All heavy atoms as atom14 arrays in JSON, in Angstrom:
{
  "sequence": "LLAIFFFVAGLELKREFVAGDLRDPRRAAVPVAAAVGGVIV",
  "atom14_mask": [
    [1, 1, 1, 1, 1, 1, 1, 1, 0, 0, 0, 0, 0, 0],
    [1, 1, 1, 1, 1, 1, 1, 1, 0, 0, 0, 0, 0, 0],
    [1, 1, 1, 1, 1, 0, 0, 0, 0, 0, 0, 0, 0, 0],
    [1, 1, 1, 1, 1, 1, 1, 1, 0, 0, 0, 0, 0, 0],
    [1, 1, 1, 1, 1, 1, 1, 1, 1, 1, 1, 0, 0, 0],
    [1, 1, 1, 1, 1, 1, 1, 1, 1, 1, 1, 0, 0, 0],
    [1, 1, 1, 1, 1, 1, 1, 1, 1, 1, 1, 0, 0, 0],
    [1, 1, 1, 1, 1, 1, 1, 0, 0, 0, 0, 0, 0, 0],
    [1, 1, 1, 1, 1, 0, 0, 0, 0, 0, 0, 0, 0, 0],
    [1, 1, 1, 1, 0, 0, 0, 0, 0, 0, 0, 0, 0, 0],
    [1, 1, 1, 1, 1, 1, 1, 1, 0, 0, 0, 0, 0, 0],
    [1, 1, 1, 1, 1, 1, 1, 1, 1, 0, 0, 0, 0, 0],
    [1, 1, 1, 1, 1, 1, 1, 1, 0, 0, 0, 0, 0, 0],
    [1, 1, 1, 1, 1, 1, 1, 1, 1, 0, 0, 0, 0, 0],
    [1, 1, 1, 1, 1, 1, 1, 1, 1, 1, 1, 0, 0, 0],
    [1, 1, 1, 1, 1, 1, 1, 1, 1, 0, 0, 0, 0, 0],
    [1, 1, 1, 1, 1, 1, 1, 1, 1, 1, 1, 0, 0, 0],
    [1, 1, 1, 1, 1, 1, 1, 0, 0, 0, 0, 0, 0, 0],
    [1, 1, 1, 1, 1, 0, 0, 0, 0, 0, 0, 0, 0, 0],
    [1, 1, 1, 1, 0, 0, 0, 0, 0, 0, 0, 0, 0, 0],
    [1, 1, 1, 1, 1, 1, 1, 1, 0, 0, 0, 0, 0, 0],
    [1, 1, 1, 1, 1, 1, 1, 1, 0, 0, 0, 0, 0, 0],
    [1, 1, 1, 1, 1, 1, 1, 1, 1, 1, 1, 0, 0, 0],
    [1, 1, 1, 1, 1, 1, 1, 1, 0, 0, 0, 0, 0, 0],
    [1, 1, 1, 1, 1, 1, 1, 0, 0, 0, 0, 0, 0, 0],
    [1, 1, 1, 1, 1, 1, 1, 1, 1, 1, 1, 0, 0, 0],
    [1, 1, 1, 1, 1, 1, 1, 1, 1, 1, 1, 0, 0, 0],
    [1, 1, 1, 1, 1, 0, 0, 0, 0, 0, 0, 0, 0, 0],
    [1, 1, 1, 1, 1, 0, 0, 0, 0, 0, 0, 0, 0, 0],
    [1, 1, 1, 1, 1, 1, 1, 0, 0, 0, 0, 0, 0, 0],
    [1, 1, 1, 1, 1, 1, 1, 0, 0, 0, 0, 0, 0, 0],
    [1, 1, 1, 1, 1, 1, 1, 0, 0, 0, 0, 0, 0, 0],
    [1, 1, 1, 1, 1, 0, 0, 0, 0, 0, 0, 0, 0, 0],
    [1, 1, 1, 1, 1, 0, 0, 0, 0, 0, 0, 0, 0, 0],
    [1, 1, 1, 1, 1, 0, 0, 0, 0, 0, 0, 0, 0, 0],
    [1, 1, 1, 1, 1, 1, 1, 0, 0, 0, 0, 0, 0, 0],
    [1, 1, 1, 1, 0, 0, 0, 0, 0, 0, 0, 0, 0, 0],
    [1, 1, 1, 1, 0, 0, 0, 0, 0, 0, 0, 0, 0, 0],
    [1, 1, 1, 1, 1, 1, 1, 0, 0, 0, 0, 0, 0, 0],
    [1, 1, 1, 1, 1, 1, 1, 1, 0, 0, 0, 0, 0, 0],
    [1, 1, 1, 1, 1, 1, 1, 0, 0, 0, 0, 0, 0, 0]
  ],
  "atom14_positions": [
    [[-74.35, 64.99, 37.05], [-74.64, 64.1, 35.93], [-73.44, 63.93, 35.01], [-73.2, 62.84, 34.49], [-75.85, 64.62, 35.14], [-77.2, 64.56, 35.88], [-78.31, 65.08, 34.99], [-77.51, 63.14, 36.34], [0.0, 0.0, 0.0], [0.0, 0.0, 0.0], [0.0, 0.0, 0.0], [0.0, 0.0, 0.0], [0.0, 0.0, 0.0], [0.0, 0.0, 0.0]],
    [[-72.68, 65.0, 34.81], [-71.52, 64.87, 33.93], [-70.41, 64.04, 34.56], [-69.51, 63.56, 33.86], [-70.99, 66.25, 33.53], [-71.82, 67.01, 32.49], [-71.05, 68.21, 31.97], [-72.24, 66.12, 31.33], [0.0, 0.0, 0.0], [0.0, 0.0, 0.0], [0.0, 0.0, 0.0], [0.0, 0.0, 0.0], [0.0, 0.0, 0.0], [0.0, 0.0, 0.0]],
    [[-70.46, 63.85, 35.88], [-69.5, 62.94, 36.52], [-69.74, 61.51, 36.01], [-68.78, 60.74, 35.86], [-69.64, 63.0, 38.04], [0.0, 0.0, 0.0], [0.0, 0.0, 0.0], [0.0, 0.0, 0.0], [0.0, 0.0, 0.0], [0.0, 0.0, 0.0], [0.0, 0.0, 0.0], [0.0, 0.0, 0.0], [0.0, 0.0, 0.0], [0.0, 0.0, 0.0]],
    [[-71.01, 61.16, 35.75], [-71.32, 59.85, 35.17], [-70.74, 59.76, 33.76], [-70.16, 58.74, 33.38], [-72.84, 59.63, 35.14], [-73.43, 59.71, 36.56], [-73.19, 58.29, 34.5], [-74.96, 59.68, 36.59], [0.0, 0.0, 0.0], [0.0, 0.0, 0.0], [0.0, 0.0, 0.0], [0.0, 0.0, 0.0], [0.0, 0.0, 0.0], [0.0, 0.0, 0.0]],
    [[-70.9, 60.83, 32.99], [-70.36, 60.89, 31.64], [-68.84, 60.66, 31.65], [-68.31, 59.87, 30.86], [-70.7, 62.25, 31.02], [-69.96, 62.57, 29.76], [-70.37, 62.04, 28.55], [-68.87, 63.43, 29.78], [-69.69, 62.34, 27.37], [-68.19, 63.74, 28.62], [-68.6, 63.19, 27.41], [0.0, 0.0, 0.0], [0.0, 0.0, 0.0], [0.0, 0.0, 0.0]],
    [[-68.14, 61.33, 32.55], [-66.69, 61.19, 32.6], [-66.26, 59.86, 33.2], [-65.18, 59.35, 32.9], [-66.07, 62.36, 33.38], [-65.96, 63.62, 32.57], [-66.75, 64.71, 32.86], [-65.08, 63.7, 31.51], [-66.66, 65.87, 32.1], [-64.98, 64.85, 30.75], [-65.77, 65.94, 31.04], [0.0, 0.0, 0.0], [0.0, 0.0, 0.0], [0.0, 0.0, 0.0]],
    [[-67.1, 59.27, 34.03], [-66.82, 57.92, 34.53], [-66.81, 56.93, 33.38], [-65.89, 56.1, 33.25], [-67.89, 57.54, 35.57], [-67.74, 56.14, 36.12], [-66.71, 55.82, 36.99], [-68.65, 55.15, 35.77], [-66.58, 54.53, 37.51], [-68.53, 53.86, 36.27], [-67.49, 53.55, 37.15], [0.0, 0.0, 0.0], [0.0, 0.0, 0.0], [0.0, 0.0, 0.0]],
    [[-67.81, 57.02, 32.5], [-67.87, 56.13, 31.35], [-66.71, 56.39, 30.4], [-66.1, 55.45, 29.87], [-69.22, 56.3, 30.62], [-69.24, 55.5, 29.32], [-70.37, 55.86, 31.52], [0.0, 0.0, 0.0], [0.0, 0.0, 0.0], [0.0, 0.0, 0.0], [0.0, 0.0, 0.0], [0.0, 0.0, 0.0], [0.0, 0.0, 0.0], [0.0, 0.0, 0.0]],
    [[-66.37, 57.66, 30.18], [-65.24, 57.99, 29.31], [-63.94, 57.43, 29.87], [-63.09, 56.91, 29.13], [-65.13, 59.5, 29.13], [0.0, 0.0, 0.0], [0.0, 0.0, 0.0], [0.0, 0.0, 0.0], [0.0, 0.0, 0.0], [0.0, 0.0, 0.0], [0.0, 0.0, 0.0], [0.0, 0.0, 0.0], [0.0, 0.0, 0.0], [0.0, 0.0, 0.0]],
    [[-63.77, 57.51, 31.18], [-62.57, 56.96, 31.81], [-62.49, 55.45, 31.68], [-61.42, 54.9, 31.42], [0.0, 0.0, 0.0], [0.0, 0.0, 0.0], [0.0, 0.0, 0.0], [0.0, 0.0, 0.0], [0.0, 0.0, 0.0], [0.0, 0.0, 0.0], [0.0, 0.0, 0.0], [0.0, 0.0, 0.0], [0.0, 0.0, 0.0], [0.0, 0.0, 0.0]],
    [[-63.63, 54.77, 31.84], [-63.66, 53.32, 31.66], [-63.28, 52.93, 30.24], [-62.49, 52.0, 30.03], [-65.06, 52.78, 31.97], [-65.53, 52.81, 33.43], [-66.99, 52.39, 33.51], [-64.68, 51.89, 34.3], [0.0, 0.0, 0.0], [0.0, 0.0, 0.0], [0.0, 0.0, 0.0], [0.0, 0.0, 0.0], [0.0, 0.0, 0.0], [0.0, 0.0, 0.0]],
    [[-63.83, 53.66, 29.26], [-63.56, 53.36, 27.86], [-62.08, 53.56, 27.54], [-61.46, 52.73, 26.88], [-64.43, 54.25, 26.97], [-64.07, 54.23, 25.5], [-64.23, 52.86, 24.86], [-65.02, 52.04, 25.37], [-63.55, 52.61, 23.85], [0.0, 0.0, 0.0], [0.0, 0.0, 0.0], [0.0, 0.0, 0.0], [0.0, 0.0, 0.0], [0.0, 0.0, 0.0]],
    [[-61.52, 54.67, 28.02], [-60.12, 54.95, 27.72], [-59.2, 53.9, 28.35], [-58.28, 53.4, 27.7], [-59.75, 56.34, 28.21], [-58.37, 56.83, 27.8], [-58.32, 57.05, 26.3], [-57.99, 58.11, 28.52], [0.0, 0.0, 0.0], [0.0, 0.0, 0.0], [0.0, 0.0, 0.0], [0.0, 0.0, 0.0], [0.0, 0.0, 0.0], [0.0, 0.0, 0.0]],
    [[-59.46, 53.56, 29.62], [-58.61, 52.58, 30.28], [-58.7, 51.22, 29.59], [-57.68, 50.55, 29.38], [-59.01, 52.44, 31.76], [-58.09, 51.49, 32.52], [-58.43, 51.43, 33.99], [-57.47, 50.48, 34.71], [-57.78, 50.36, 36.16], [0.0, 0.0, 0.0], [0.0, 0.0, 0.0], [0.0, 0.0, 0.0], [0.0, 0.0, 0.0], [0.0, 0.0, 0.0]],
    [[-59.91, 50.83, 29.21], [-60.06, 49.54, 28.56], [-59.33, 49.5, 27.22], [-58.69, 48.51, 26.89], [-61.54, 49.21, 28.35], [-61.76, 47.77, 27.96], [-63.1, 47.5, 27.36], [-63.21, 46.1, 26.98], [-62.6, 45.55, 25.92], [-61.83, 46.29, 25.14], [-62.72, 44.26, 25.66], [0.0, 0.0, 0.0], [0.0, 0.0, 0.0], [0.0, 0.0, 0.0]],
    [[-59.42, 50.59, 26.46], [-58.76, 50.64, 25.16], [-57.25, 50.45, 25.29], [-56.62, 49.77, 24.49], [-59.07, 51.97, 24.46], [-60.43, 52.03, 23.81], [-60.53, 51.1, 22.61], [-59.5, 50.79, 21.99], [-61.65, 50.67, 22.3], [0.0, 0.0, 0.0], [0.0, 0.0, 0.0], [0.0, 0.0, 0.0], [0.0, 0.0, 0.0], [0.0, 0.0, 0.0]],
    [[-56.67, 51.09, 26.3], [-55.22, 51.07, 26.43], [-54.69, 49.86, 27.19], [-53.5, 49.56, 27.12], [-54.72, 52.36, 27.09], [-54.69, 53.53, 26.16], [-55.78, 54.37, 26.03], [-53.57, 53.79, 25.38], [-55.77, 55.44, 25.16], [-53.55, 54.86, 24.5], [-54.64, 55.69, 24.39], [0.0, 0.0, 0.0], [0.0, 0.0, 0.0], [0.0, 0.0, 0.0]],
    [[-55.56, 49.19, 27.93], [-55.11, 48.01, 28.69], [-55.41, 46.72, 27.95], [-54.56, 45.82, 27.87], [-55.77, 47.98, 30.09], [-55.45, 46.68, 30.82], [-55.29, 49.16, 30.92], [0.0, 0.0, 0.0], [0.0, 0.0, 0.0], [0.0, 0.0, 0.0], [0.0, 0.0, 0.0], [0.0, 0.0, 0.0], [0.0, 0.0, 0.0], [0.0, 0.0, 0.0]],
    [[-56.61, 46.6, 27.38], [-57.01, 45.34, 26.76], [-57.47, 45.48, 25.32], [-57.67, 44.47, 24.65], [-58.14, 44.7, 27.58], [0.0, 0.0, 0.0], [0.0, 0.0, 0.0], [0.0, 0.0, 0.0], [0.0, 0.0, 0.0], [0.0, 0.0, 0.0], [0.0, 0.0, 0.0], [0.0, 0.0, 0.0], [0.0, 0.0, 0.0], [0.0, 0.0, 0.0]],
    [[-57.64, 46.7, 24.83], [-58.1, 46.9, 23.46], [-56.95, 46.93, 22.47], [-55.78, 46.72, 22.81], [0.0, 0.0, 0.0], [0.0, 0.0, 0.0], [0.0, 0.0, 0.0], [0.0, 0.0, 0.0], [0.0, 0.0, 0.0], [0.0, 0.0, 0.0], [0.0, 0.0, 0.0], [0.0, 0.0, 0.0], [0.0, 0.0, 0.0], [0.0, 0.0, 0.0]],
    [[-57.28, 47.24, 21.24], [-56.26, 47.29, 20.19], [-55.24, 48.39, 20.42], [-54.12, 48.33, 19.91], [-56.92, 47.49, 18.82], [-57.66, 46.24, 18.36], [-57.37, 45.15, 18.91], [-58.51, 46.35, 17.46], [0.0, 0.0, 0.0], [0.0, 0.0, 0.0], [0.0, 0.0, 0.0], [0.0, 0.0, 0.0], [0.0, 0.0, 0.0], [0.0, 0.0, 0.0]],
    [[-55.6, 49.41, 21.23], [-54.69, 50.53, 21.45], [-53.62, 50.23, 22.49], [-52.83, 51.1, 22.83], [-55.48, 51.78, 21.86], [-56.43, 52.33, 20.8], [-57.07, 53.62, 21.27], [-55.72, 52.56, 19.48], [0.0, 0.0, 0.0], [0.0, 0.0, 0.0], [0.0, 0.0, 0.0], [0.0, 0.0, 0.0], [0.0, 0.0, 0.0], [0.0, 0.0, 0.0]],
    [[-53.59, 49.01, 22.99], [-52.45, 48.65, 23.85], [-51.16, 48.56, 23.03], [-50.06, 48.56, 23.59], [-52.71, 47.32, 24.57], [-52.84, 46.11, 23.66], [-53.2, 44.87, 24.47], [-53.3, 43.68, 23.65], [-54.37, 43.3, 22.98], [-55.46, 44.07, 23.03], [-54.38, 42.2, 22.26], [0.0, 0.0, 0.0], [0.0, 0.0, 0.0], [0.0, 0.0, 0.0]],
    [[-51.31, 48.51, 21.72], [-50.17, 48.62, 20.82], [-49.83, 50.1, 20.68], [-50.64, 50.87, 20.15], [-50.53, 48.03, 19.45], [-49.38, 48.13, 18.45], [-48.33, 48.71, 18.79], [-49.54, 47.63, 17.31], [0.0, 0.0, 0.0], [0.0, 0.0, 0.0], [0.0, 0.0, 0.0], [0.0, 0.0, 0.0], [0.0, 0.0, 0.0], [0.0, 0.0, 0.0]],
    [[-48.66, 50.55, 21.16], [-48.32, 51.98, 21.13], [-48.39, 52.58, 19.74], [-48.72, 53.76, 19.59], [-46.89, 52.02, 21.68], [-46.75, 50.77, 22.5], [-47.6, 49.75, 21.79], [0.0, 0.0, 0.0], [0.0, 0.0, 0.0], [0.0, 0.0, 0.0], [0.0, 0.0, 0.0], [0.0, 0.0, 0.0], [0.0, 0.0, 0.0], [0.0, 0.0, 0.0]],
    [[-48.11, 51.8, 18.72], [-48.14, 52.35, 17.36], [-49.56, 52.71, 16.95], [-49.77, 53.69, 16.23], [-47.55, 51.33, 16.39], [-46.06, 51.08, 16.57], [-45.59, 49.93, 15.71], [-46.26, 48.69, 16.08], [-46.06, 47.51, 15.47], [-45.23, 47.43, 14.44], [-46.71, 46.43, 15.87], [0.0, 0.0, 0.0], [0.0, 0.0, 0.0], [0.0, 0.0, 0.0]],
    [[-50.53, 51.93, 17.38], [-51.93, 52.25, 17.06], [-52.44, 53.38, 17.94], [-53.25, 54.2, 17.51], [-52.82, 51.02, 17.24], [-52.58, 49.93, 16.22], [-53.55, 48.78, 16.43], [-54.93, 49.18, 16.14], [-55.5, 49.06, 14.95], [-54.83, 48.58, 13.93], [-56.75, 49.44, 14.77], [0.0, 0.0, 0.0], [0.0, 0.0, 0.0], [0.0, 0.0, 0.0]],
    [[-51.98, 53.42, 19.18], [-52.46, 54.45, 20.11], [-51.92, 55.83, 19.76], [-52.56, 56.84, 20.06], [-52.06, 54.08, 21.54], [0.0, 0.0, 0.0], [0.0, 0.0, 0.0], [0.0, 0.0, 0.0], [0.0, 0.0, 0.0], [0.0, 0.0, 0.0], [0.0, 0.0, 0.0], [0.0, 0.0, 0.0], [0.0, 0.0, 0.0], [0.0, 0.0, 0.0]],
    [[-50.75, 55.88, 19.13], [-50.1, 57.17, 18.87], [-50.95, 58.08, 18.01], [-50.97, 59.3, 18.21], [-48.74, 56.93, 18.2], [0.0, 0.0, 0.0], [0.0, 0.0, 0.0], [0.0, 0.0, 0.0], [0.0, 0.0, 0.0], [0.0, 0.0, 0.0], [0.0, 0.0, 0.0], [0.0, 0.0, 0.0], [0.0, 0.0, 0.0], [0.0, 0.0, 0.0]],
    [[-51.68, 57.52, 17.05], [-52.43, 58.36, 16.1], [-53.59, 59.1, 16.78], [-53.64, 60.34, 16.73], [-52.96, 57.52, 14.92], [-53.72, 58.41, 13.94], [-51.81, 56.82, 14.21], [0.0, 0.0, 0.0], [0.0, 0.0, 0.0], [0.0, 0.0, 0.0], [0.0, 0.0, 0.0], [0.0, 0.0, 0.0], [0.0, 0.0, 0.0], [0.0, 0.0, 0.0]],
    [[-54.54, 58.43, 17.45], [-55.63, 59.2, 18.07], [-55.17, 60.07, 19.22], [-55.74, 61.16, 19.43], [-56.6, 58.11, 18.55], [-55.79, 56.87, 18.67], [-54.75, 56.97, 17.59], [0.0, 0.0, 0.0], [0.0, 0.0, 0.0], [0.0, 0.0, 0.0], [0.0, 0.0, 0.0], [0.0, 0.0, 0.0], [0.0, 0.0, 0.0], [0.0, 0.0, 0.0]],
    [[-54.15, 59.64, 19.96], [-53.65, 60.48, 21.06], [-53.02, 61.76, 20.52], [-53.3, 62.86, 21.0], [-52.64, 59.69, 21.92], [-51.95, 60.62, 22.92], [-53.34, 58.56, 22.66], [0.0, 0.0, 0.0], [0.0, 0.0, 0.0], [0.0, 0.0, 0.0], [0.0, 0.0, 0.0], [0.0, 0.0, 0.0], [0.0, 0.0, 0.0], [0.0, 0.0, 0.0]],
    [[-52.16, 61.62, 19.51], [-51.54, 62.8, 18.91], [-52.6, 63.71, 18.29], [-52.54, 64.94, 18.41], [-50.52, 62.38, 17.85], [0.0, 0.0, 0.0], [0.0, 0.0, 0.0], [0.0, 0.0, 0.0], [0.0, 0.0, 0.0], [0.0, 0.0, 0.0], [0.0, 0.0, 0.0], [0.0, 0.0, 0.0], [0.0, 0.0, 0.0], [0.0, 0.0, 0.0]],
    [[-53.59, 63.11, 17.62], [-54.66, 63.9, 17.0], [-55.45, 64.67, 18.06], [-55.81, 65.84, 17.86], [-55.59, 62.99, 16.21], [0.0, 0.0, 0.0], [0.0, 0.0, 0.0], [0.0, 0.0, 0.0], [0.0, 0.0, 0.0], [0.0, 0.0, 0.0], [0.0, 0.0, 0.0], [0.0, 0.0, 0.0], [0.0, 0.0, 0.0], [0.0, 0.0, 0.0]],
    [[-55.72, 64.02, 19.19], [-56.46, 64.69, 20.27], [-55.65, 65.86, 20.83], [-56.2, 66.94, 21.09], [-56.79, 63.7, 21.38], [0.0, 0.0, 0.0], [0.0, 0.0, 0.0], [0.0, 0.0, 0.0], [0.0, 0.0, 0.0], [0.0, 0.0, 0.0], [0.0, 0.0, 0.0], [0.0, 0.0, 0.0], [0.0, 0.0, 0.0], [0.0, 0.0, 0.0]],
    [[-54.36, 65.66, 21.01], [-53.49, 66.73, 21.52], [-53.46, 67.9, 20.53], [-53.59, 69.07, 20.92], [-52.07, 66.2, 21.79], [-51.13, 67.35, 22.13], [-52.09, 65.19, 22.93], [0.0, 0.0, 0.0], [0.0, 0.0, 0.0], [0.0, 0.0, 0.0], [0.0, 0.0, 0.0], [0.0, 0.0, 0.0], [0.0, 0.0, 0.0], [0.0, 0.0, 0.0]],
    [[-53.29, 67.58, 19.25], [-53.32, 68.64, 18.24], [-54.65, 69.36, 18.2], [-54.71, 70.59, 18.02], [0.0, 0.0, 0.0], [0.0, 0.0, 0.0], [0.0, 0.0, 0.0], [0.0, 0.0, 0.0], [0.0, 0.0, 0.0], [0.0, 0.0, 0.0], [0.0, 0.0, 0.0], [0.0, 0.0, 0.0], [0.0, 0.0, 0.0], [0.0, 0.0, 0.0]],
    [[-55.73, 68.61, 18.42], [-57.07, 69.18, 18.42], [-57.38, 69.99, 19.66], [-58.43, 70.64, 19.73], [0.0, 0.0, 0.0], [0.0, 0.0, 0.0], [0.0, 0.0, 0.0], [0.0, 0.0, 0.0], [0.0, 0.0, 0.0], [0.0, 0.0, 0.0], [0.0, 0.0, 0.0], [0.0, 0.0, 0.0], [0.0, 0.0, 0.0], [0.0, 0.0, 0.0]],
    [[-56.51, 69.96, 20.65], [-56.63, 70.8, 21.83], [-55.76, 72.05, 21.68], [-56.19, 73.17, 21.95], [-56.25, 70.02, 23.11], [-56.06, 70.97, 24.29], [-57.32, 68.98, 23.43], [0.0, 0.0, 0.0], [0.0, 0.0, 0.0], [0.0, 0.0, 0.0], [0.0, 0.0, 0.0], [0.0, 0.0, 0.0], [0.0, 0.0, 0.0], [0.0, 0.0, 0.0]],
    [[-54.53, 71.86, 21.24], [-53.56, 72.96, 21.2], [-53.94, 74.02, 20.16], [-53.98, 75.22, 20.47], [-52.15, 72.42, 20.91], [-51.67, 71.57, 22.09], [-51.17, 73.56, 20.64], [-50.33, 70.88, 21.84], [0.0, 0.0, 0.0], [0.0, 0.0, 0.0], [0.0, 0.0, 0.0], [0.0, 0.0, 0.0], [0.0, 0.0, 0.0], [0.0, 0.0, 0.0]],
    [[-54.22, 73.62, 18.94], [-54.46, 74.6, 17.87], [-55.72, 75.43, 18.12], [-55.69, 76.66, 17.98], [-54.5, 73.91, 16.49], [-54.83, 74.92, 15.39], [-53.16, 73.24, 16.2], [0.0, 0.0, 0.0], [0.0, 0.0, 0.0], [0.0, 0.0, 0.0], [0.0, 0.0, 0.0], [0.0, 0.0, 0.0], [0.0, 0.0, 0.0], [0.0, 0.0, 0.0]]
  ]
}
């Protein structure tokens, strides 16, 4: 069942970076960096 969950998450992420507002690297940098920081610390 969680494979379905990750399938939807993958679709959302790809769409955001290909056709959404996050295709602009300056906008994408903030949530990506925040996610990385939220994993490392």
